[in-house]
Every structure is written in structure tokens, then in C-alpha cells.
Amino acid sequence: MELSESKTQGQVISEVHPDALVIGGKRYEQSLYIIDDTVFLWDIQQVEHLKLQQLEPLMMEMPQLILIGVEPFNIEKHRYFMHSDIQPSLLQQGIGCEITSISAACNTWNIVLGEQRKVCLALIRE
């Protein structure tokens, strides 16, 4: 699926495929996170194993929102996706968090970049 681009400050995701993403003209097939203009490879394979300390690089940016995209996405499996200390810690710092499919997270990411909002994106390929 090709995604629309707008003038942004940050890495625009131009394509989302079942097995990969294209970000800034480069293809990625693994879990990653994005802060501003930088893509970081991320050694996370299951959202259920995500710990607060693994989100600290994103939290230090003090974003309004952390988008977490997971593939394959299963609403029943992923609605209780984080350890109990993660959600309260994010909320205490005024950081929202949304978990969804990778394609939906990428679409939202591109939109909020165009709005010049401070957002971080984390994508987990299970």
C-alpha cells in the first residue's frame, strides 16, 4: 500500500507491505522505532514482552503520543499488550499511547507529522 506524503519534519513512510516498510527510500523488514528523522532498529519480537525501559528512548523525547504498530494485529490479543507499569507511567508524563496494526500506525504517523505534532512511532513485527 502506498501512502500519501505531505511536507513534514520527520521520516515519512511511503509504502507499507505485509513484510516490509519503505521509509525515506529505504526498505525495512524488522521491528523499529522512529524519533524525528532517525530510524532505529529495535530488538522486539512480541509486544507482550515490551518493557518500560525499552520505551525510554521514545519517552525522553516527551512526545504527545507514542504510536505502536504490531503485525499481525489481533485486537483481542493486543488490547492488554503492555505490562501494567507502562500505561500509567506514560499517562503520568502526559504521553498518550495507541496500539494498532502497522499500516494504521503508519497512516496516523504520516498525518500527525503533517500537523507538526511531536509523536514517536514504534513498529513491532511478531
Protein backbone atom coordinates (compact mmCIF):
# COMPACT_ATOMS: atom_id res chain seq x y z
CA MET A 1 0.00 0.00 0.00
CA GLU A 2 1.38 3.42 -0.95
CA LEU A 3 0.82 6.23 1.50
CA SER A 4 0.39 9.89 0.69
CA GLU A 5 3.12 12.30 1.65
CA SER A 6 2.90 15.87 2.88
CA LYS A 7 5.54 18.38 3.90
CA THR A 8 6.76 17.21 7.28
CA GLN A 9 9.67 17.22 9.65
CA GLY A 10 10.42 13.58 10.26
CA GLN A 11 10.64 10.32 8.38
CA VAL A 12 7.66 9.84 6.08
CA ILE A 13 6.62 6.24 5.49
CA SER A 14 5.96 5.96 1.78
CA GLU A 15 5.00 2.29 1.48
CA VAL A 16 3.67 -0.44 3.75
CA HIS A 17 3.84 -4.06 2.60
CA PRO A 18 2.96 -7.23 4.52
CA ASP A 19 6.66 -7.97 5.04
CA ALA A 20 8.34 -4.55 4.89
CA LEU A 21 8.12 -0.76 5.01
CA VAL A 22 9.75 1.90 2.89
CA ILE A 23 10.93 4.86 4.93
CA GLY A 24 12.96 7.62 3.33
CA GLY A 25 13.55 5.40 0.30
CA LYS A 26 14.98 2.54 2.38
CA ARG A 27 13.28 -0.82 2.90
CA TYR A 28 12.91 -2.19 6.45
CA GLU A 29 11.76 -5.70 7.31
CA GLN A 30 12.28 -5.72 11.08
CA SER A 31 10.91 -4.05 14.19
CA LEU A 32 11.96 -0.43 14.55
CA TYR A 33 11.12 2.90 16.08
CA ILE A 34 11.34 6.43 14.72
CA ILE A 35 12.20 9.59 16.57
CA ASP A 36 12.14 12.73 14.41
CA ASP A 37 14.36 12.00 11.39
CA THR A 38 16.04 8.89 12.75
CA VAL A 39 15.04 5.24 12.30
CA PHE A 40 16.34 2.86 14.98
CA LEU A 41 16.27 -0.91 14.59
CA TRP A 42 14.59 -2.49 17.59
CA ASP A 43 15.12 -5.96 19.02
CA ILE A 44 11.48 -6.59 19.96
CA GLN A 45 9.56 -9.52 18.51
CA GLN A 46 6.42 -9.58 20.68
CA VAL A 47 4.51 -6.66 22.12
CA GLU A 48 3.69 -8.73 25.21
CA HIS A 49 7.40 -8.68 26.12
CA LEU A 50 7.69 -4.91 25.83
CA LYS A 51 9.05 -3.32 28.99
CA LEU A 52 9.01 0.30 30.10
CA GLN A 53 12.80 0.60 29.81
CA GLN A 54 12.57 -0.30 26.11
CA LEU A 55 10.29 2.72 25.56
CA GLU A 56 12.58 5.12 27.43
CA PRO A 57 14.33 6.47 24.29
CA LEU A 58 10.90 7.44 22.95
CA MET A 59 9.66 8.77 26.29
CA MET A 60 12.72 11.02 26.68
CA GLU A 61 11.51 12.94 23.61
CA MET A 62 8.34 13.86 25.56
CA PRO A 63 6.00 13.19 22.64
CA GLN A 64 2.28 13.86 22.83
CA LEU A 65 1.72 10.34 21.57
CA ILE A 66 3.56 7.07 21.05
CA LEU A 67 2.07 5.04 18.23
CA ILE A 68 2.76 1.31 18.43
CA GLY A 69 2.05 -0.72 15.32
CA VAL A 70 2.00 -4.50 15.53
CA GLU A 71 1.83 -7.10 12.77
CA PRO A 72 -0.01 -9.38 12.75
CA PHE A 73 -2.51 -7.33 14.75
CA ASN A 74 -5.19 -9.04 16.84
CA ILE A 75 -7.42 -6.76 18.90
CA GLU A 76 -8.20 -9.43 21.48
CA LYS A 77 -4.56 -10.36 21.93
CA HIS A 78 -3.14 -6.82 21.91
CA ARG A 79 -5.58 -4.76 23.93
CA TYR A 80 -3.73 -5.87 27.09
CA PHE A 81 -0.43 -5.52 25.34
CA MET A 82 1.76 -3.80 27.87
CA HIS A 83 3.00 -4.64 31.31
CA SER A 84 0.93 -2.88 33.93
CA ASP A 85 3.62 -0.30 34.68
CA ILE A 86 3.83 1.06 31.12
CA GLN A 87 0.45 2.71 30.60
CA PRO A 88 0.38 4.54 33.99
CA SER A 89 3.97 5.72 33.51
CA LEU A 90 3.16 7.15 30.09
CA LEU A 91 0.00 8.84 31.31
CA GLN A 92 1.81 10.29 34.33
CA GLN A 93 4.19 12.01 31.92
CA GLY A 94 1.34 13.24 29.71
CA ILE A 95 2.16 10.82 26.90
CA GLY A 96 -0.67 9.09 25.11
CA CYS A 97 -0.19 5.62 23.65
CA GLU A 98 -2.11 3.86 20.91
CA ILE A 99 -1.64 0.31 19.65
CA THR A 100 -2.93 -0.72 16.26
CA SER A 101 -1.88 -2.52 13.09
CA ILE A 102 1.34 -1.40 11.42
CA SER A 103 -0.49 0.03 8.39
CA ALA A 104 -2.88 2.07 10.57
CA ALA A 105 0.01 3.29 12.76
CA CYS A 106 1.96 4.35 9.65
CA ASN A 107 -1.03 6.25 8.24
CA THR A 108 -1.54 8.02 11.56
CA TRP A 109 2.19 8.77 11.79
CA ASN A 110 2.23 10.46 8.39
CA ILE A 111 -0.86 12.51 9.27
CA VAL A 112 0.44 13.77 12.61
CA LEU A 113 3.82 14.61 11.10
CA GLY A 114 1.98 16.86 8.66
CA GLU A 115 0.32 18.53 11.64
CA GLN A 116 3.77 19.19 13.16
CA ARG A 117 2.85 17.26 16.32
CA LYS A 118 5.50 15.61 18.48
CA VAL A 119 4.91 11.88 18.02
CA CYS A 120 7.10 8.78 18.18
CA LEU A 121 6.43 5.60 16.25
CA ALA A 122 7.32 2.04 17.27
CA LEU A 123 6.64 -0.89 14.93
CA ILE A 124 6.80 -4.49 16.08
CA ARG A 125 6.84 -7.38 13.63
CA GLU A 126 5.86 -10.51 15.54
